[in-house]
PDB file of N, CA and C in Angstrom:
ATOM      1  N   UNK A   1     -25.741   2.055 -40.841  1.00  0.00           N
ATOM      2  CA  UNK A   1     -25.134   2.051 -39.532  1.00  0.00           C
ATOM      3  C   UNK A   1     -26.113   2.701 -38.557  1.00  0.00           C
ATOM      4  N   UNK A   2     -26.400   1.999 -37.458  1.00  0.00           N
ATOM      5  CA  UNK A   2     -27.367   2.505 -36.487  1.00  0.00           C
ATOM      6  C   UNK A   2     -26.771   3.586 -35.604  1.00  0.00           C
ATOM      7  N   UNK A   3     -27.657   4.277 -34.922  1.00  0.00           N
ATOM      8  CA  UNK A   3     -27.262   5.340 -33.994  1.00  0.00           C
ATOM      9  C   UNK A   3     -26.345   4.820 -32.894  1.00  0.00           C
ATOM     10  N   UNK A   4     -26.695   3.646 -32.393  1.00  0.00           N
ATOM     11  CA  UNK A   4     -25.863   3.075 -31.268  1.00  0.00           C
ATOM     12  C   UNK A   4     -24.464   2.798 -31.737  1.00  0.00           C
ATOM     13  N   UNK A   5     -24.296   2.349 -32.991  1.00  0.00           N
ATOM     14  CA  UNK A   5     -22.954   2.064 -33.509  1.00  0.00           C
ATOM     15  C   UNK A   5     -22.169   3.356 -33.603  1.00  0.00           C
ATOM     16  N   UNK A   6     -22.790   4.409 -34.007  1.00  0.00           N
ATOM     17  CA  UNK A   6     -22.106   5.709 -34.098  1.00  0.00           C
ATOM     18  C   UNK A   6     -21.671   6.172 -32.700  1.00  0.00           C
ATOM     19  N   UNK A   7     -22.590   6.081 -31.726  1.00  0.00           N
ATOM     20  CA  UNK A   7     -22.230   6.439 -30.373  1.00  0.00           C
ATOM     21  C   UNK A   7     -21.078   5.588 -29.851  1.00  0.00           C
ATOM     22  N   UNK A   8     -21.111   4.285 -30.143  1.00  0.00           N
ATOM     23  CA  UNK A   8     -20.087   3.395 -29.678  1.00  0.00           C
ATOM     24  C   UNK A   8     -18.738   3.759 -30.243  1.00  0.00           C
ATOM     25  N   UNK A   9     -18.687   4.090 -31.537  1.00  0.00           N
ATOM     26  CA  UNK A   9     -17.419   4.489 -32.168  1.00  0.00           C
ATOM     27  C   UNK A   9     -16.912   5.808 -31.552  1.00  0.00           C
ATOM     28  N   UNK A  10     -17.787   6.774 -31.305  1.00  0.00           N
ATOM     29  CA  UNK A  10     -17.383   8.027 -30.695  1.00  0.00           C
ATOM     30  C   UNK A  10     -16.864   7.785 -29.256  1.00  0.00           C
ATOM     31  N   UNK A  11     -17.546   6.934 -28.528  1.00  0.00           N
ATOM     32  CA  UNK A  11     -17.121   6.631 -27.155  1.00  0.00           C
ATOM     33  C   UNK A  11     -15.715   6.024 -27.129  1.00  0.00           C
ATOM     34  N   UNK A  12     -15.436   5.108 -28.081  1.00  0.00           N
ATOM     35  CA  UNK A  12     -14.115   4.491 -28.144  1.00  0.00           C
ATOM     36  C   UNK A  12     -13.045   5.517 -28.484  1.00  0.00           C
ATOM     37  N   UNK A  13     -13.318   6.403 -29.444  1.00  0.00           N
ATOM     38  CA  UNK A  13     -12.353   7.429 -29.824  1.00  0.00           C
ATOM     39  C   UNK A  13     -12.084   8.381 -28.677  1.00  0.00           C
ATOM     40  N   UNK A  14     -13.141   8.855 -27.997  1.00  0.00           N
ATOM     41  CA  UNK A  14     -12.931   9.794 -26.874  1.00  0.00           C
ATOM     42  C   UNK A  14     -12.199   9.077 -25.728  1.00  0.00           C
ATOM     43  N   UNK A  15     -12.550   7.833 -25.458  1.00  0.00           N
ATOM     44  CA  UNK A  15     -11.862   7.115 -24.390  1.00  0.00           C
ATOM     45  C   UNK A  15     -10.377   6.939 -24.714  1.00  0.00           C
ATOM     46  N   UNK A  16     -10.050   6.638 -25.955  1.00  0.00           N
ATOM     47  CA  UNK A  16      -8.657   6.532 -26.345  1.00  0.00           C
ATOM     48  C   UNK A  16      -7.909   7.860 -26.173  1.00  0.00           C
ATOM     49  N   UNK A  17      -8.519   8.938 -26.620  1.00  0.00           N
ATOM     50  CA  UNK A  17      -7.900  10.272 -26.460  1.00  0.00           C
ATOM     51  C   UNK A  17      -7.734  10.629 -24.980  1.00  0.00           C
ATOM     52  N   UNK A  18      -8.704  10.259 -24.140  1.00  0.00           N
ATOM     53  CA  UNK A  18      -8.596  10.524 -22.733  1.00  0.00           C
ATOM     54  C   UNK A  18      -7.427   9.727 -22.106  1.00  0.00           C
ATOM     55  N   UNK A  19      -7.257   8.499 -22.535  1.00  0.00           N
ATOM     56  CA  UNK A  19      -6.147   7.679 -22.054  1.00  0.00           C
ATOM     57  C   UNK A  19      -4.834   8.295 -22.437  1.00  0.00           C
ATOM     58  N   UNK A  20      -4.714   8.787 -23.674  1.00  0.00           N
ATOM     59  CA  UNK A  20      -3.488   9.418 -24.137  1.00  0.00           C
ATOM     60  C   UNK A  20      -3.173  10.664 -23.349  1.00  0.00           C
ATOM     61  N   UNK A  21      -4.178  11.514 -23.108  1.00  0.00           N
ATOM     62  CA  UNK A  21      -3.953  12.740 -22.374  1.00  0.00           C
ATOM     63  C   UNK A  21      -3.560  12.450 -20.933  1.00  0.00           C
ATOM     64  N   UNK A  22      -4.167  11.440 -20.319  1.00  0.00           N
ATOM     65  CA  UNK A  22      -3.833  11.104 -18.935  1.00  0.00           C
ATOM     66  C   UNK A  22      -2.425  10.504 -18.844  1.00  0.00           C
ATOM     67  N   UNK A  23      -2.019   9.687 -19.861  1.00  0.00           N
ATOM     68  CA  UNK A  23      -0.704   9.064 -19.830  1.00  0.00           C
ATOM     69  C   UNK A  23       0.381  10.062 -20.064  1.00  0.00           C
ATOM     70  N   UNK A  24       0.104  11.178 -20.765  1.00  0.00           N
ATOM     71  CA  UNK A  24       1.097  12.202 -21.041  1.00  0.00           C
ATOM     72  C   UNK A  24       1.417  12.950 -19.738  1.00  0.00           C
ATOM     73  N   UNK A  25       0.448  13.042 -18.875  1.00  0.00           N
ATOM     74  CA  UNK A  25       0.657  13.771 -17.587  1.00  0.00           C
ATOM     75  C   UNK A  25       1.458  12.930 -16.619  1.00  0.00           C
ATOM     76  N   UNK A  26       2.217  13.575 -15.785  1.00  0.00           N
ATOM     77  CA  UNK A  26       2.969  12.925 -14.736  1.00  0.00           C
ATOM     78  C   UNK A  26       2.394  13.372 -13.406  1.00  0.00           C
ATOM     79  N   UNK A  27       2.019  12.440 -12.513  1.00  0.00           N
ATOM     80  CA  UNK A  27       1.410  12.852 -11.249  1.00  0.00           C
ATOM     81  C   UNK A  27       2.300  13.705 -10.377  1.00  0.00           C
ATOM     82  N   UNK A  28       3.602  13.692 -10.621  1.00  0.00           N
ATOM     83  CA  UNK A  28       4.482  14.493  -9.750  1.00  0.00           C
ATOM     84  C   UNK A  28       4.878  15.799 -10.413  1.00  0.00           C
ATOM     85  N   UNK A  29       4.130  16.222 -11.427  1.00  0.00           N
ATOM     86  CA  UNK A  29       4.433  17.512 -12.025  1.00  0.00           C
ATOM     87  C   UNK A  29       5.353  17.418 -13.223  1.00  0.00           C
ATOM     88  N   UNK A  30       5.750  16.225 -13.617  1.00  0.00           N
ATOM     89  CA  UNK A  30       6.622  16.067 -14.754  1.00  0.00           C
ATOM     90  C   UNK A  30       5.836  15.909 -16.028  1.00  0.00           C
ATOM     91  N   UNK A  31       6.103  14.830 -16.719  1.00  0.00           N
ATOM     92  CA  UNK A  31       5.352  14.511 -17.927  1.00  0.00           C
ATOM     93  C   UNK A  31       5.706  15.451 -19.070  1.00  0.00           C
ATOM     94  N   UNK A  32       4.754  15.726 -19.920  1.00  0.00           N
ATOM     95  CA  UNK A  32       4.970  16.588 -21.059  1.00  0.00           C
ATOM     96  C   UNK A  32       5.338  18.006 -20.631  1.00  0.00           C
ATOM     97  N   UNK A  33       4.755  18.471 -19.542  1.00  0.00           N
ATOM     98  CA  UNK A  33       5.005  19.833 -19.119  1.00  0.00           C
ATOM     99  C   UNK A  33       6.477  20.036 -18.659  1.00  0.00           C
ATOM    100  N   UNK A  34       7.116  18.983 -18.143  1.00  0.00           N
ATOM    101  CA  UNK A  34       8.514  19.131 -17.708  1.00  0.00           C
ATOM    102  C   UNK A  34       9.482  19.203 -18.872  1.00  0.00           C
ATOM    103  N   UNK A  35       9.078  18.661 -20.036  1.00  0.00           N
ATOM    104  CA  UNK A  35       9.977  18.736 -21.177  1.00  0.00           C
ATOM    105  C   UNK A  35      10.017  20.129 -21.755  1.00  0.00           C
ATOM    106  N   UNK A  36       9.014  20.942 -21.497  1.00  0.00           N
ATOM    107  CA  UNK A  36       9.030  22.321 -21.991  1.00  0.00           C
ATOM    108  C   UNK A  36       9.681  23.257 -20.973  1.00  0.00           C
ATOM    109  N   UNK A  37       9.911  22.791 -19.767  1.00  0.00           N
ATOM    110  CA  UNK A  37      10.524  23.609 -18.727  1.00  0.00           C
ATOM    111  C   UNK A  37      12.030  23.695 -18.961  1.00  0.00           C
ATOM    112  N   UNK A  38      12.739  23.792 -17.939  1.00  0.00           N
ATOM    113  CA  UNK A  38      14.171  23.803 -18.104  1.00  0.00           C
ATOM    114  C   UNK A  38      14.866  24.697 -17.109  1.00  0.00           C
ATOM    115  N   UNK A  39      14.195  25.624 -16.577  1.00  0.00           N
ATOM    116  CA  UNK A  39      14.796  26.499 -15.584  1.00  0.00           C
ATOM    117  C   UNK A  39      14.908  27.940 -16.071  1.00  0.00           C
ATOM    118  N   UNK A  40      14.926  28.190 -17.347  1.00  0.00           N
ATOM    119  CA  UNK A  40      15.000  29.538 -17.863  1.00  0.00           C
ATOM    120  C   UNK A  40      13.697  30.296 -17.618  1.00  0.00           C
ATOM    121  N   UNK A  41      13.777  31.582 -17.413  1.00  0.00           N
ATOM    122  CA  UNK A  41      12.581  32.348 -17.157  1.00  0.00           C
ATOM    123  C   UNK A  41      11.877  32.737 -18.446  1.00  0.00           C
ATOM    124  N   UNK A  42      12.527  32.678 -19.560  1.00  0.00           N
ATOM    125  CA  UNK A  42      11.929  33.001 -20.853  1.00  0.00           C
ATOM    126  C   UNK A  42      11.550  31.706 -21.562  1.00  0.00           C
ATOM    127  N   UNK A  43      10.274  31.333 -21.498  1.00  0.00           N
ATOM    128  CA  UNK A  43       9.799  30.087 -22.103  1.00  0.00           C
ATOM    129  C   UNK A  43       8.760  30.459 -23.146  1.00  0.00           C
ATOM    130  N   UNK A  44       8.825  29.721 -24.230  1.00  0.00           N
ATOM    131  CA  UNK A  44       7.864  29.999 -25.320  1.00  0.00           C
ATOM    132  C   UNK A  44       6.458  29.553 -24.910  1.00  0.00           C
ATOM    133  N   UNK A  45       6.283  28.301 -24.559  1.00  0.00           N
ATOM    134  CA  UNK A  45       4.955  27.801 -24.170  1.00  0.00           C
ATOM    135  C   UNK A  45       4.752  27.923 -22.693  1.00  0.00           C
ATOM    136  N   UNK A  46       5.750  27.564 -21.935  1.00  0.00           N
ATOM    137  CA  UNK A  46       5.631  27.646 -20.481  1.00  0.00           C
ATOM    138  C   UNK A  46       5.025  26.374 -19.891  1.00  0.00           C
ATOM    139  N   UNK A  47       5.513  26.004 -18.750  1.00  0.00           N
ATOM    140  CA  UNK A  47       5.034  24.818 -18.042  1.00  0.00           C
ATOM    141  C   UNK A  47       3.627  25.004 -17.606  1.00  0.00           C
ATOM    142  N   UNK A  48       3.295  26.166 -17.099  1.00  0.00           N
ATOM    143  CA  UNK A  48       1.937  26.402 -16.603  1.00  0.00           C
ATOM    144  C   UNK A  48       0.890  26.275 -17.689  1.00  0.00           C
ATOM    145  N   UNK A  49       1.185  26.789 -18.862  1.00  0.00           N
ATOM    146  CA  UNK A  49       0.208  26.746 -19.964  1.00  0.00           C
ATOM    147  C   UNK A  49       0.010  25.291 -20.447  1.00  0.00           C
ATOM    148  N   UNK A  50       1.105  24.527 -20.503  1.00  0.00           N
ATOM    149  CA  UNK A  50       0.987  23.100 -20.876  1.00  0.00           C
ATOM    150  C   UNK A  50       0.166  22.334 -19.844  1.00  0.00           C
ATOM    151  N   UNK A  51       0.432  22.564 -18.601  1.00  0.00           N
ATOM    152  CA  UNK A  51      -0.322  21.905 -17.568  1.00  0.00           C
ATOM    153  C   UNK A  51      -1.801  22.271 -17.600  1.00  0.00           C
ATOM    154  N   UNK A  52      -2.079  23.542 -17.791  1.00  0.00           N
ATOM    155  CA  UNK A  52      -3.466  24.007 -17.930  1.00  0.00           C
ATOM    156  C   UNK A  52      -4.154  23.354 -19.105  1.00  0.00           C
ATOM    157  N   UNK A  53      -3.446  23.256 -20.235  1.00  0.00           N
ATOM    158  CA  UNK A  53      -4.028  22.634 -21.424  1.00  0.00           C
ATOM    159  C   UNK A  53      -4.363  21.182 -21.167  1.00  0.00           C
ATOM    160  N   UNK A  54      -3.403  20.440 -20.555  1.00  0.00           N
ATOM    161  CA  UNK A  54      -3.645  19.032 -20.268  1.00  0.00           C
ATOM    162  C   UNK A  54      -4.771  18.868 -19.250  1.00  0.00           C
ATOM    163  N   UNK A  55      -4.862  19.717 -18.278  1.00  0.00           N
ATOM    164  CA  UNK A  55      -5.908  19.649 -17.274  1.00  0.00           C
ATOM    165  C   UNK A  55      -7.294  19.947 -17.905  1.00  0.00           C
ATOM    166  N   UNK A  56      -7.338  20.995 -18.715  1.00  0.00           N
ATOM    167  CA  UNK A  56      -8.623  21.305 -19.383  1.00  0.00           C
ATOM    168  C   UNK A  56      -9.041  20.260 -20.381  1.00  0.00           C
ATOM    169  N   UNK A  57      -8.069  19.707 -21.102  1.00  0.00           N
ATOM    170  CA  UNK A  57      -8.430  18.676 -22.085  1.00  0.00           C
ATOM    171  C   UNK A  57      -8.914  17.415 -21.396  1.00  0.00           C
ATOM    172  N   UNK A  58      -8.330  17.088 -20.210  1.00  0.00           N
ATOM    173  CA  UNK A  58      -8.795  15.926 -19.425  1.00  0.00           C
ATOM    174  C   UNK A  58     -10.251  16.100 -19.001  1.00  0.00           C
ATOM    175  N   UNK A  59     -10.544  17.262 -18.437  1.00  0.00           N
ATOM    176  CA  UNK A  59     -11.912  17.505 -17.986  1.00  0.00           C
ATOM    177  C   UNK A  59     -12.890  17.580 -19.167  1.00  0.00           C
ATOM    178  N   UNK A  60     -12.475  18.159 -20.276  1.00  0.00           N
ATOM    179  CA  UNK A  60     -13.344  18.253 -21.440  1.00  0.00           C
ATOM    180  C   UNK A  60     -13.643  16.867 -22.017  1.00  0.00           C
ATOM    181  N   UNK A  61     -12.564  16.096 -22.169  1.00  0.00           N
ATOM    182  CA  UNK A  61     -12.780  14.750 -22.736  1.00  0.00           C
ATOM    183  C   UNK A  61     -13.632  13.859 -21.813  1.00  0.00           C
ATOM    184  N   UNK A  62     -13.395  13.967 -20.514  1.00  0.00           N
ATOM    185  CA  UNK A  62     -14.202  13.154 -19.557  1.00  0.00           C
ATOM    186  C   UNK A  62     -15.671  13.591 -19.578  1.00  0.00           C
ATOM    187  N   UNK A  63     -15.921  14.876 -19.715  1.00  0.00           N
ATOM    188  CA  UNK A  63     -17.296  15.374 -19.787  1.00  0.00           C
ATOM    189  C   UNK A  63     -17.968  14.878 -21.109  1.00  0.00           C
ATOM    190  N   UNK A  64     -17.253  14.964 -22.199  1.00  0.00           N
ATOM    191  CA  UNK A  64     -17.771  14.467 -23.467  1.00  0.00           C
ATOM    192  C   UNK A  64     -18.053  12.945 -23.377  1.00  0.00           C
ATOM    193  N   UNK A  65     -17.194  12.204 -22.736  1.00  0.00           N
ATOM    194  CA  UNK A  65     -17.361  10.763 -22.582  1.00  0.00           C
ATOM    195  C   UNK A  65     -18.663  10.434 -21.791  1.00  0.00           C
ATOM    196  N   UNK A  66     -18.862  11.153 -20.695  1.00  0.00           N
ATOM    197  CA  UNK A  66     -20.036  10.919 -19.870  1.00  0.00           C
ATOM    198  C   UNK A  66     -21.310  11.252 -20.646  1.00  0.00           C
ATOM    199  N   UNK A  67     -21.288  12.380 -21.404  1.00  0.00           N
ATOM    200  CA  UNK A  67     -22.461  12.811 -22.163  1.00  0.00           C
ATOM    201  C   UNK A  67     -22.746  11.784 -23.262  1.00  0.00           C
ATOM    202  N   UNK A  68     -21.697  11.295 -23.947  1.00  0.00           N
ATOM    203  CA  UNK A  68     -21.910  10.291 -25.009  1.00  0.00           C
ATOM    204  C   UNK A  68     -22.469   8.985 -24.449  1.00  0.00           C
ATOM    205  N   UNK A  69     -21.988   8.605 -23.274  1.00  0.00           N
ATOM    206  CA  UNK A  69     -22.536   7.379 -22.647  1.00  0.00           C
ATOM    207  C   UNK A  69     -24.005   7.535 -22.292  1.00  0.00           C
ATOM    208  N   UNK A  70     -24.355   8.680 -21.737  1.00  0.00           N
ATOM    209  CA  UNK A  70     -25.751   8.915 -21.384  1.00  0.00           C
ATOM    210  C   UNK A  70     -26.655   9.016 -22.628  1.00  0.00           C
ATOM    211  N   UNK A  71     -26.175   9.628 -23.694  1.00  0.00           N
ATOM    212  CA  UNK A  71     -26.955   9.717 -24.917  1.00  0.00           C
ATOM    213  C   UNK A  71     -27.049   8.382 -25.606  1.00  0.00           C
ATOM    214  N   UNK A  72     -26.029   7.536 -25.495  1.00  0.00           N
ATOM    215  CA  UNK A  72     -26.055   6.234 -26.151  1.00  0.00           C
ATOM    216  C   UNK A  72     -27.139   5.317 -25.516  1.00  0.00           C
ATOM    217  N   UNK A  73     -27.459   5.571 -24.255  1.00  0.00           N
ATOM    218  CA  UNK A  73     -28.503   4.759 -23.622  1.00  0.00           C
ATOM    219  C   UNK A  73     -29.849   4.992 -24.261  1.00  0.00           C
ATOM    220  N   UNK A  74     -30.038   6.168 -24.869  1.00  0.00           N
ATOM    221  CA  UNK A  74     -31.302   6.442 -25.555  1.00  0.00           C
ATOM    222  C   UNK A  74     -31.339   5.753 -26.924  1.00  0.00           C
ATOM    223  N   UNK A  75     -30.177   5.477 -27.479  1.00  0.00           N
ATOM    224  CA  UNK A  75     -30.105   4.887 -28.828  1.00  0.00           C
ATOM    225  C   UNK A  75     -30.026   3.372 -28.852  1.00  0.00           C
ATOM    226  N   UNK A  76     -30.011   2.737 -27.660  1.00  0.00           N
ATOM    227  CA  UNK A  76     -29.933   1.286 -27.580  1.00  0.00           C
ATOM    228  C   UNK A  76     -31.241   0.689 -28.111  1.00  0.00           C
ATOM    229  N   UNK A  77     -31.167  -0.212 -29.095  1.00  0.00           N
ATOM    230  CA  UNK A  77     -32.384  -0.863 -29.515  1.00  0.00           C
ATOM    231  C   UNK A  77     -32.916  -1.832 -28.508  1.00  0.00           C
ATOM    232  N   UNK A  78     -34.172  -1.696 -28.190  1.00  0.00           N
ATOM    233  CA  UNK A  78     -34.790  -2.522 -27.141  1.00  0.00           C
ATOM    234  C   UNK A  78     -35.831  -3.416 -27.809  1.00  0.00           C
ATOM    235  N   UNK A  79     -35.654  -4.707 -27.696  1.00  0.00           N
ATOM    236  CA  UNK A  79     -36.556  -5.663 -28.316  1.00  0.00           C
ATOM    237  C   UNK A  79     -37.872  -5.781 -27.523  1.00  0.00           C
ATOM    238  N   UNK A  80     -37.807  -5.602 -26.224  1.00  0.00           N
ATOM    239  CA  UNK A  80     -39.006  -5.687 -25.402  1.00  0.00           C
ATOM    240  C   UNK A  80     -39.990  -4.643 -25.697  1.00  0.00           C
ATOM    241  N   UNK A  81     -39.508  -3.423 -25.954  1.00  0.00           N
ATOM    242  CA  UNK A  81     -40.414  -2.288 -26.246  1.00  0.00           C
ATOM    243  C   UNK A  81     -41.112  -2.511 -27.568  1.00  0.00           C
ATOM    244  N   UNK A  82     -40.422  -2.978 -28.542  1.00  0.00           N
ATOM    245  CA  UNK A  82     -41.007  -3.204 -29.880  1.00  0.00           C
ATOM    246  C   UNK A  82     -42.058  -4.330 -29.767  1.00  0.00           C
ATOM    247  N   UNK A  83     -41.799  -5.302 -28.944  1.00  0.00           N
ATOM    248  CA  UNK A  83     -42.751  -6.372 -28.789  1.00  0.00           C
ATOM    249  C   UNK A  83     -44.021  -5.911 -28.108  1.00  0.00           C
ATOM    250  N   UNK A  84     -43.883  -5.038 -27.085  1.00  0.00           N
ATOM    251  CA  UNK A  84     -45.059  -4.505 -26.391  1.00  0.00           C
ATOM    252  C   UNK A  84     -45.880  -3.623 -27.333  1.00  0.00           C
ATOM    253  N   UNK A  85     -45.214  -2.841 -28.219  1.00  0.00           N
ATOM    254  CA  UNK A  85     -45.914  -1.997 -29.128  1.00  0.00           C
ATOM    255  C   UNK A  85     -46.709  -2.822 -30.122  1.00  0.00           C
ATOM    256  N   UNK A  86     -46.165  -3.959 -30.568  1.00  0.00           N
ATOM    257  CA  UNK A  86     -46.871  -4.756 -31.581  1.00  0.00           C
ATOM    258  C   UNK A  86     -48.115  -5.376 -30.989  1.00  0.00           C
ATOM    259  N   UNK A  87     -48.084  -5.759 -29.667  1.00  0.00           N
ATOM    260  CA  UNK A  87     -49.242  -6.342 -29.062  1.00  0.00           C
ATOM    261  C   UNK A  87     -50.293  -5.241 -28.787  1.00  0.00           C
ATOM    262  N   UNK A  88     -49.873  -4.019 -28.563  1.00  0.00           N
ATOM    263  CA  UNK A  88     -50.835  -2.958 -28.311  1.00  0.00           C
ATOM    264  C   UNK A  88     -51.591  -2.596 -29.582  1.00  0.00           C
ATOM    265  N   UNK A  89     -50.957  -2.795 -30.721  1.00  0.00           N
ATOM    266  CA  UNK A  89     -51.602  -2.466 -31.998  1.00  0.00           C
ATOM    267  C   UNK A  89     -52.466  -3.605 -32.507  1.00  0.00           C
ATOM    268  N   UNK A  90     -52.226  -4.850 -32.021  1.00  0.00           N
ATOM    269  CA  UNK A  90     -52.964  -6.024 -32.498  1.00  0.00           C
ATOM    270  C   UNK A  90     -54.104  -6.318 -31.540  1.00  0.00           C
ATOM    271  N   UNK A  91     -55.362  -6.066 -31.950  1.00  0.00           N
ATOM    272  CA  UNK A  91     -56.483  -6.302 -31.020  1.00  0.00           C
ATOM    273  C   UNK A  91     -56.709  -7.786 -30.721  1.00  0.00           C
ATOM    274  N   UNK A  92     -56.318  -8.698 -31.623  1.00  0.00           N
ATOM    275  CA  UNK A  92     -56.444 -10.106 -31.356  1.00  0.00           C
ATOM    276  C   UNK A  92     -55.507 -10.583 -30.266  1.00  0.00           C
ATOM    277  N   UNK A  93     -54.378  -9.907 -30.115  1.00  0.00           N
ATOM    278  CA  UNK A  93     -53.426 -10.305 -29.085  1.00  0.00           C
ATOM    279  C   UNK A  93     -53.914  -9.943 -27.691  1.00  0.00           C
ATOM    280  N   UNK A  94     -54.860  -9.059 -27.598  1.00  0.00           N
ATOM    281  CA  UNK A  94     -55.387  -8.635 -26.312  1.00  0.00           C
ATOM    282  C   UNK A  94     -56.477  -9.561 -25.766  1.00  0.00           C
ATOM    283  N   UNK A  95     -57.016 -10.414 -26.611  1.00  0.00           N
ATOM    284  CA  UNK A  95     -58.056 -11.352 -26.166  1.00  0.00           C
ATOM    285  C   UNK A  95     -57.472 -12.365 -25.229  1.00  0.00           C
ATOM    286  N   UNK A  96     -58.164 -12.613 -24.135  1.00  0.00           N
ATOM    287  CA  UNK A  96     -57.674 -13.648 -23.190  1.00  0.00           C
ATOM    288  C   UNK A  96     -58.431 -14.930 -23.512  1.00  0.00           C
ATOM    289  N   UNK A  97     -57.771 -16.058 -23.459  1.00  0.00           N
ATOM    290  CA  UNK A  97     -58.463 -17.316 -23.715  1.00  0.00           C
ATOM    291  C   UNK A  97     -59.367 -17.667 -22.542  1.00  0.00           C
ATOM    292  N   UNK A  98     -60.482 -18.364 -22.847  1.00  0.00           N
ATOM    293  CA  UNK A  98     -61.407 -18.772 -21.809  1.00  0.00           C
ATOM    294  C   UNK A  98     -60.756 -19.814 -20.940  1.00  0.00           C
ATOM    295  N   UNK A  99     -61.077 -19.792 -19.635  1.00  0.00           N
ATOM    296  CA  UNK A  99     -60.464 -20.819 -18.745  1.00  0.00           C
ATOM    297  C   UNK A  99     -61.018 -22.197 -19.088  1.00  0.00           C
ATOM    298  N   UNK A 100     -60.184 -23.170 -18.841  1.00  0.00           N
ATOM    299  CA  UNK A 100     -60.606 -24.562 -19.121  1.00  0.00           C
ATOM    300  C   UNK A 100     -61.695 -24.965 -18.130  1.00  0.00           C
ATOM    301  N   UNK A 101     -62.637 -25.758 -18.631  1.00  0.00           N
ATOM    302  CA  UNK A 101     -63.747 -26.225 -17.802  1.00  0.00           C
ATOM    303  C   UNK A 101     -63.201 -27.189 -16.748  1.00  0.00           C
ATOM    304  N   UNK A 102     -63.692 -26.991 -15.538  1.00  0.00           N
ATOM    305  CA  UNK A 102     -63.264 -27.857 -14.427  1.00  0.00           C
ATOM    306  C   UNK A 102     -64.240 -28.968 -14.317  1.00  0.00           C
ATOM    307  N   UNK A 103     -63.755 -30.196 -14.396  1.00  0.00           N
ATOM    308  CA  UNK A 103     -64.626 -31.398 -14.232  1.00  0.00           C
ATOM    309  C   UNK A 103     -64.595 -31.846 -12.800  1.00  0.00           C
ATOM    310  N   UNK A 104     -65.775 -32.106 -12.250  1.00  0.00           N
ATOM    311  CA  UNK A 104     -65.807 -32.531 -10.841  1.00  0.00           C
ATOM    312  C   UNK A 104     -65.229 -33.930 -10.667  1.00  0.00           C
ATOM    313  N   UNK A 105     -64.632 -34.160  -9.531  1.00  0.00           N
ATOM    314  CA  UNK A 105     -64.049 -35.468  -9.247  1.00  0.00           C
ATOM    315  C   UNK A 105     -65.160 -36.410  -8.802  1.00  0.00           C
ATOM    316  N   UNK A 106     -65.390 -37.464  -9.563  1.00  0.00           N
ATOM    317  CA  UNK A 106     -66.465 -38.409  -9.233  1.00  0.00           C
ATOM    318  C   UNK A 106     -66.018 -39.471  -8.266  1.00  0.00           C
ATOM    319  N   UNK A 107     -64.761 -39.600  -8.057  1.00  0.00           N
ATOM    320  CA  UNK A 107     -64.232 -40.615  -7.102  1.00  0.00           C
ATOM    321  C   UNK A 107     -64.051 -39.912  -5.770  1.00  0.00           C
ATOM    322  N   UNK A 108     -65.063 -40.029  -4.871  1.00  0.00           N
ATOM    323  CA  UNK A 108     -65.048 -39.367  -3.604  1.00  0.00           C
ATOM    324  C   UNK A 108     -64.295 -40.126  -2.502  1.00  0.00           C
ATOM    325  N   UNK A 109     -63.871 -41.311  -2.820  1.00  0.00           N
ATOM    326  CA  UNK A 109     -63.184 -42.087  -1.792  1.00  0.00           C
ATOM    327  C   UNK A 109     -61.726 -41.670  -1.729  1.00  0.00           C
ATOM    328  N   UNK A 110     -61.292 -41.345  -0.563  1.00  0.00           N
ATOM    329  CA  UNK A 110     -59.905 -40.931  -0.396  1.00  0.00           C
ATOM    330  C   UNK A 110     -59.084 -42.085   0.187  1.00  0.00           C
ATOM    331  N   UNK A 111     -57.887 -42.202  -0.255  1.00  0.00           N
ATOM    332  CA  UNK A 111     -57.029 -43.244   0.241  1.00  0.00           C
ATOM    333  C   UNK A 111     -56.381 -42.793   1.530  1.00  0.00           C
ATOM    334  N   UNK A 112     -56.326 -43.679   2.533  1.00  0.00           N
ATOM    335  CA  UNK A 112     -55.655 -43.311   3.756  1.00  0.00           C
ATOM    336  C   UNK A 112     -54.148 -43.225   3.527  1.00  0.00           C
ATOM    337  N   UNK A 113     -53.499 -42.400   4.316  1.00  0.00           N
ATOM    338  CA  UNK A 113     -52.077 -42.231   4.191  1.00  0.00           C
ATOM    339  C   UNK A 113     -51.374 -43.470   4.704  1.00  0.00           C
ATOM    340  N   UNK A 114     -50.245 -43.783   4.140  1.00  0.00           N
ATOM    341  CA  UNK A 114     -49.473 -44.956   4.547  1.00  0.00           C
ATOM    342  C   UNK A 114     -48.710 -44.581   5.821  1.00  0.00           C
ATOM    343  N   UNK A 115     -49.114 -45.190   6.916  1.00  0.00           N
ATOM    344  CA  UNK A 115     -48.498 -44.839   8.217  1.00  0.00           C
ATOM    345  C   UNK A 115     -47.392 -45.799   8.608  1.00  0.00           C
ATOM    346  N   UNK A 116     -47.000 -46.714   7.739  1.00  0.00           N
ATOM    347  CA  UNK A 116     -45.948 -47.653   8.080  1.00  0.00           C
ATOM    348  C   UNK A 116     -44.554 -47.059   7.949  1.00  0.00           C
ATOM    349  N   UNK A 117     -44.406 -45.954   7.289  1.00  0.00           N
ATOM    350  CA  UNK A 117     -43.097 -45.357   7.058  1.00  0.00           C
ATOM    351  C   UNK A 117     -42.723 -44.456   8.186  1.00  0.00           C
TER     352      UNK A 117
END
């Protein structure tokens, strides 16, 4: 398995986790954090802690996703680079062919342009 395939699998897993974390949140303050609330002042986890956890996990997963994407660009196999390297190592590939010999035109008579059109 190549490096790019590993990066691709990690990117897919992190993107899926990021989608799950974002879908759990409610833009109006509800979501998973509202299910732990209820109105009582004595809460085991607390709404604030759940919201902080979801917020931190969103930022962490998004940062990991960006880093993985940037690192995967280094692992992409490039055919053009390998081809350039092979010509640099092959001294016969660097030789340029001689230009074709130019034969002079022995027919010096030029035809007049057709002016009837």
